[in-house]
Amino acid sequence: MTPTRFAFVKAQWHADVVDRALDGFLQLIPADQVDVFDVPGAFEMPLLARDLAASGRYAAVACAALVVDGGIYRHDFVAQAVVDGLMRAGLDTGVPVLSVSLTPHHYQETPQHTEFFRAHFIQKGREAAEAALAITRTRTALRPLAAE
């Protein structure tokens, strides 16, 4: 039987922006079906995502973070490691792990940028919920075929 719960992991760096992804996610998936977990930053998401996916309690795990270009190349390495880790967590466990991790170049903590990305994260959270629901439906529909 497919679990009907979803996990949502969110990084606390730029939480005022990143938390909006959860708002968007909850527009499509009821809050009583979502367990929310905070991690310090994006780099910590893949490990927790893997553990949550492996628990067997979740139909999908969504992870949200904002990896900012601070003028050094570190953000490129972090962003790549996070996306690779999330993909590996999903492949290793067989549970969809979705990324709402954005890596804007030239992000500045100005009111204009903050408001733009807050709105963008709401949209990305909705898209993650749509993907979680769609992949769950598809995988559930495939189960009878696999039994044949």
C-alpha atoms as a PDB file:
ATOM      1  CA  MET A   1       0.000   0.000   0.000  1.00  0.00           C
ATOM      2  CA  THR A   2       1.291   3.460  -0.913  1.00  0.00           C
ATOM      3  CA  PRO A   3       1.766   5.860   1.998  1.00  0.00           C
ATOM      4  CA  THR A   4      -0.454   8.946   1.871  1.00  0.00           C
ATOM      5  CA  ARG A   5       1.855  11.188   3.868  1.00  0.00           C
ATOM      6  CA  PHE A   6       4.471  13.546   2.501  1.00  0.00           C
ATOM      7  CA  ALA A   7       7.642  14.936   4.081  1.00  0.00           C
ATOM      8  CA  PHE A   8       8.770  18.505   3.495  1.00  0.00           C
ATOM      9  CA  VAL A   9      12.342  19.457   4.416  1.00  0.00           C
ATOM     10  CA  LYS A  10      13.347  23.114   4.466  1.00  0.00           C
ATOM     11  CA  ALA A  11      16.713  24.740   4.973  1.00  0.00           C
ATOM     12  CA  GLN A  12      16.873  27.546   7.497  1.00  0.00           C
ATOM     13  CA  TRP A  13      19.276  29.786   5.564  1.00  0.00           C
ATOM     14  CA  HIS A  14      17.019  32.534   4.194  1.00  0.00           C
ATOM     15  CA  ALA A  15      14.046  30.927   5.961  1.00  0.00           C
ATOM     16  CA  ASP A  16      11.899  34.017   5.331  1.00  0.00           C
ATOM     17  CA  VAL A  17      12.099  33.134   1.624  1.00  0.00           C
ATOM     18  CA  VAL A  18      12.423  29.334   1.720  1.00  0.00           C
ATOM     19  CA  ASP A  19       9.439  28.815   4.049  1.00  0.00           C
ATOM     20  CA  ARG A  20       7.171  30.166   1.307  1.00  0.00           C
ATOM     21  CA  ALA A  21       7.745  26.923  -0.610  1.00  0.00           C
ATOM     22  CA  LEU A  22       5.921  25.100   2.174  1.00  0.00           C
ATOM     23  CA  ASP A  23       3.057  27.599   1.836  1.00  0.00           C
ATOM     24  CA  GLY A  24       2.752  26.697  -1.847  1.00  0.00           C
ATOM     25  CA  PHE A  25       3.032  22.963  -1.148  1.00  0.00           C
ATOM     26  CA  LEU A  26       0.193  23.175   1.377  1.00  0.00           C
ATOM     27  CA  GLN A  27      -2.052  24.867  -1.169  1.00  0.00           C
ATOM     28  CA  LEU A  28      -2.417  21.447  -2.854  1.00  0.00           C
ATOM     29  CA  ILE A  29      -1.652  18.894  -0.147  1.00  0.00           C
ATOM     30  CA  PRO A  30      -3.499  19.168   3.185  1.00  0.00           C
ATOM     31  CA  ALA A  31      -1.306  20.100   6.145  1.00  0.00           C
ATOM     32  CA  ASP A  32      -2.462  17.029   8.071  1.00  0.00           C
ATOM     33  CA  GLN A  33      -0.771  14.855   5.418  1.00  0.00           C
ATOM     34  CA  VAL A  34       2.577  16.688   5.594  1.00  0.00           C
ATOM     35  CA  ASP A  35       5.351  16.315   8.164  1.00  0.00           C
ATOM     36  CA  VAL A  36       7.729  19.294   8.162  1.00  0.00           C
ATOM     37  CA  PHE A  37      11.425  19.125   9.042  1.00  0.00           C
ATOM     38  CA  ASP A  38      13.952  21.949   9.346  1.00  0.00           C
ATOM     39  CA  VAL A  39      17.660  21.547   8.608  1.00  0.00           C
ATOM     40  CA  PRO A  40      20.396  24.158   9.087  1.00  0.00           C
ATOM     41  CA  GLY A  41      21.187  24.565   5.398  1.00  0.00           C
ATOM     42  CA  ALA A  42      20.852  23.017   1.952  1.00  0.00           C
ATOM     43  CA  PHE A  43      23.860  20.750   2.416  1.00  0.00           C
ATOM     44  CA  GLU A  44      22.079  18.861   5.201  1.00  0.00           C
ATOM     45  CA  MET A  45      18.969  18.076   3.141  1.00  0.00           C
ATOM     46  CA  PRO A  46      20.075  14.933   1.229  1.00  0.00           C
ATOM     47  CA  LEU A  47      20.913  12.920   4.346  1.00  0.00           C
ATOM     48  CA  LEU A  48      17.599  13.694   6.042  1.00  0.00           C
ATOM     49  CA  ALA A  49      15.721  13.175   2.770  1.00  0.00           C
ATOM     50  CA  ARG A  50      17.294   9.726   2.431  1.00  0.00           C
ATOM     51  CA  ASP A  51      16.396   8.810   6.014  1.00  0.00           C
ATOM     52  CA  LEU A  52      12.804  10.010   5.598  1.00  0.00           C
ATOM     53  CA  ALA A  53      12.395   8.223   2.276  1.00  0.00           C
ATOM     54  CA  ALA A  54      13.850   4.994   3.706  1.00  0.00           C
ATOM     55  CA  SER A  55      11.421   5.100   6.643  1.00  0.00           C
ATOM     56  CA  GLY A  56       8.584   3.851   4.424  1.00  0.00           C
ATOM     57  CA  ARG A  57       6.239   6.467   5.905  1.00  0.00           C
ATOM     58  CA  TYR A  58       6.163   8.861   2.949  1.00  0.00           C
ATOM     59  CA  ALA A  59       4.879   8.767  -0.609  1.00  0.00           C
ATOM     60  CA  ALA A  60       7.380  11.507  -1.497  1.00  0.00           C
ATOM     61  CA  VAL A  61       9.856  13.875   0.129  1.00  0.00           C
ATOM     62  CA  ALA A  62      10.168  17.512  -0.988  1.00  0.00           C
ATOM     63  CA  CYS A  63      13.187  19.624  -0.058  1.00  0.00           C
ATOM     64  CA  ALA A  64      13.489  23.420  -0.277  1.00  0.00           C
ATOM     65  CA  ALA A  65      16.531  25.672  -0.048  1.00  0.00           C
ATOM     66  CA  LEU A  66      17.976  28.894  -1.399  1.00  0.00           C
ATOM     67  CA  VAL A  67      21.664  28.556  -2.275  1.00  0.00           C
ATOM     68  CA  VAL A  68      22.929  32.079  -2.797  1.00  0.00           C
ATOM     69  CA  ASP A  69      25.793  33.183  -5.019  1.00  0.00           C
ATOM     70  CA  GLY A  70      27.891  35.109  -2.544  1.00  0.00           C
ATOM     71  CA  GLY A  71      30.505  36.058  -5.110  1.00  0.00           C
ATOM     72  CA  ILE A  72      32.588  32.916  -4.650  1.00  0.00           C
ATOM     73  CA  TYR A  73      32.302  29.554  -6.357  1.00  0.00           C
ATOM     74  CA  ARG A  74      31.240  27.710  -3.204  1.00  0.00           C
ATOM     75  CA  HIS A  75      27.542  28.004  -4.092  1.00  0.00           C
ATOM     76  CA  ASP A  76      28.096  26.024  -7.301  1.00  0.00           C
ATOM     77  CA  PHE A  77      29.617  23.121  -5.373  1.00  0.00           C
ATOM     78  CA  VAL A  78      26.904  23.202  -2.703  1.00  0.00           C
ATOM     79  CA  ALA A  79      24.083  23.381  -5.251  1.00  0.00           C
ATOM     80  CA  GLN A  80      25.496  20.485  -7.281  1.00  0.00           C
ATOM     81  CA  ALA A  81      26.114  18.350  -4.195  1.00  0.00           C
ATOM     82  CA  VAL A  82      22.583  18.985  -2.928  1.00  0.00           C
ATOM     83  CA  VAL A  83      20.848  18.128  -6.209  1.00  0.00           C
ATOM     84  CA  ASP A  84      23.031  15.037  -6.695  1.00  0.00           C
ATOM     85  CA  GLY A  85      22.379  13.947  -3.112  1.00  0.00           C
ATOM     86  CA  LEU A  86      18.631  14.394  -3.408  1.00  0.00           C
ATOM     87  CA  MET A  87      18.547  12.428  -6.659  1.00  0.00           C
ATOM     88  CA  ARG A  88      20.619   9.655  -5.108  1.00  0.00           C
ATOM     89  CA  ALA A  89      18.329   9.547  -2.052  1.00  0.00           C
ATOM     90  CA  GLY A  90      15.345   8.959  -4.322  1.00  0.00           C
ATOM     91  CA  LEU A  91      17.076   6.373  -6.479  1.00  0.00           C
ATOM     92  CA  ASP A  92      18.530   4.494  -3.504  1.00  0.00           C
ATOM     93  CA  THR A  93      15.218   4.302  -1.627  1.00  0.00           C
ATOM     94  CA  GLY A  94      12.721   4.111  -4.484  1.00  0.00           C
ATOM     95  CA  VAL A  95      10.794   7.039  -3.015  1.00  0.00           C
ATOM     96  CA  PRO A  96      10.494  10.275  -5.022  1.00  0.00           C
ATOM     97  CA  VAL A  97      12.672  13.050  -3.584  1.00  0.00           C
ATOM     98  CA  LEU A  98      11.808  16.423  -5.084  1.00  0.00           C
ATOM     99  CA  SER A  99      13.971  19.525  -5.144  1.00  0.00           C
ATOM    100  CA  VAL A 100      12.711  23.048  -4.605  1.00  0.00           C
ATOM    101  CA  SER A 101      16.295  24.257  -4.379  1.00  0.00           C
ATOM    102  CA  LEU A 102      16.983  27.499  -6.191  1.00  0.00           C
ATOM    103  CA  THR A 103      20.440  28.901  -6.893  1.00  0.00           C
ATOM    104  CA  PRO A 104      19.981  32.452  -8.163  1.00  0.00           C
ATOM    105  CA  HIS A 105      22.997  34.371  -9.340  1.00  0.00           C
ATOM    106  CA  HIS A 106      23.415  37.883  -7.996  1.00  0.00           C
ATOM    107  CA  TYR A 107      20.817  37.552  -5.226  1.00  0.00           C
ATOM    108  CA  GLN A 108      20.804  40.580  -2.963  1.00  0.00           C
ATOM    109  CA  GLU A 109      18.870  40.944   0.253  1.00  0.00           C
ATOM    110  CA  THR A 110      16.879  43.912  -0.983  1.00  0.00           C
ATOM    111  CA  PRO A 111      13.114  44.241  -0.554  1.00  0.00           C
ATOM    112  CA  GLN A 112      12.639  43.750  -4.308  1.00  0.00           C
ATOM    113  CA  HIS A 113      14.690  40.543  -4.507  1.00  0.00           C
ATOM    114  CA  THR A 114      13.219  39.172  -1.288  1.00  0.00           C
ATOM    115  CA  GLU A 115       9.639  39.703  -2.442  1.00  0.00           C
ATOM    116  CA  PHE A 116      10.366  38.291  -5.903  1.00  0.00           C
ATOM    117  CA  PHE A 117      11.880  35.104  -4.481  1.00  0.00           C
ATOM    118  CA  ARG A 118       9.218  34.732  -1.779  1.00  0.00           C
ATOM    119  CA  ALA A 119       6.567  34.688  -4.521  1.00  0.00           C
ATOM    120  CA  HIS A 120       8.724  32.406  -6.676  1.00  0.00           C
ATOM    121  CA  PHE A 121       9.101  29.905  -3.831  1.00  0.00           C
ATOM    122  CA  ILE A 122       5.321  29.771  -3.371  1.00  0.00           C
ATOM    123  CA  GLN A 123       5.007  28.809  -7.034  1.00  0.00           C
ATOM    124  CA  LYS A 124       7.831  26.266  -6.780  1.00  0.00           C
ATOM    125  CA  GLY A 125       6.206  24.753  -3.683  1.00  0.00           C
ATOM    126  CA  ARG A 126       2.949  24.309  -5.624  1.00  0.00           C
ATOM    127  CA  GLU A 127       4.903  22.709  -8.477  1.00  0.00           C
ATOM    128  CA  ALA A 128       6.574  20.305  -6.024  1.00  0.00           C
ATOM    129  CA  ALA A 129       3.159  19.332  -4.644  1.00  0.00           C
ATOM    130  CA  GLU A 130       1.855  18.764  -8.185  1.00  0.00           C
ATOM    131  CA  ALA A 131       4.883  16.582  -8.934  1.00  0.00           C
ATOM    132  CA  ALA A 132       4.522  14.645  -5.670  1.00  0.00           C
ATOM    133  CA  LEU A 133       0.865  13.921  -6.364  1.00  0.00           C
ATOM    134  CA  ALA A 134       1.486  13.034 -10.015  1.00  0.00           C
ATOM    135  CA  ILE A 135       4.384  10.668  -9.393  1.00  0.00           C
ATOM    136  CA  THR A 136       2.491   9.023  -6.537  1.00  0.00           C
ATOM    137  CA  ARG A 137      -0.554   8.430  -8.786  1.00  0.00           C
ATOM    138  CA  THR A 138       1.618   7.069 -11.585  1.00  0.00           C
ATOM    139  CA  ARG A 139       3.571   4.714  -9.357  1.00  0.00           C
ATOM    140  CA  THR A 140       0.370   3.474  -7.707  1.00  0.00           C
ATOM    141  CA  ALA A 141      -1.140   2.771 -11.130  1.00  0.00           C
ATOM    142  CA  LEU A 142       1.967   0.819 -12.155  1.00  0.00           C
ATOM    143  CA  ARG A 143       1.893  -1.543  -9.173  1.00  0.00           C
ATOM    144  CA  PRO A 144      -0.790  -3.880 -10.609  1.00  0.00           C
ATOM    145  CA  LEU A 145       1.186  -4.102 -13.860  1.00  0.00           C
ATOM    146  CA  ALA A 146       4.335  -5.109 -11.996  1.00  0.00           C
ATOM    147  CA  ALA A 147       2.445  -7.951 -10.277  1.00  0.00           C
ATOM    148  CA  GLU A 148       1.492  -9.549 -13.609  1.00  0.00           C
END
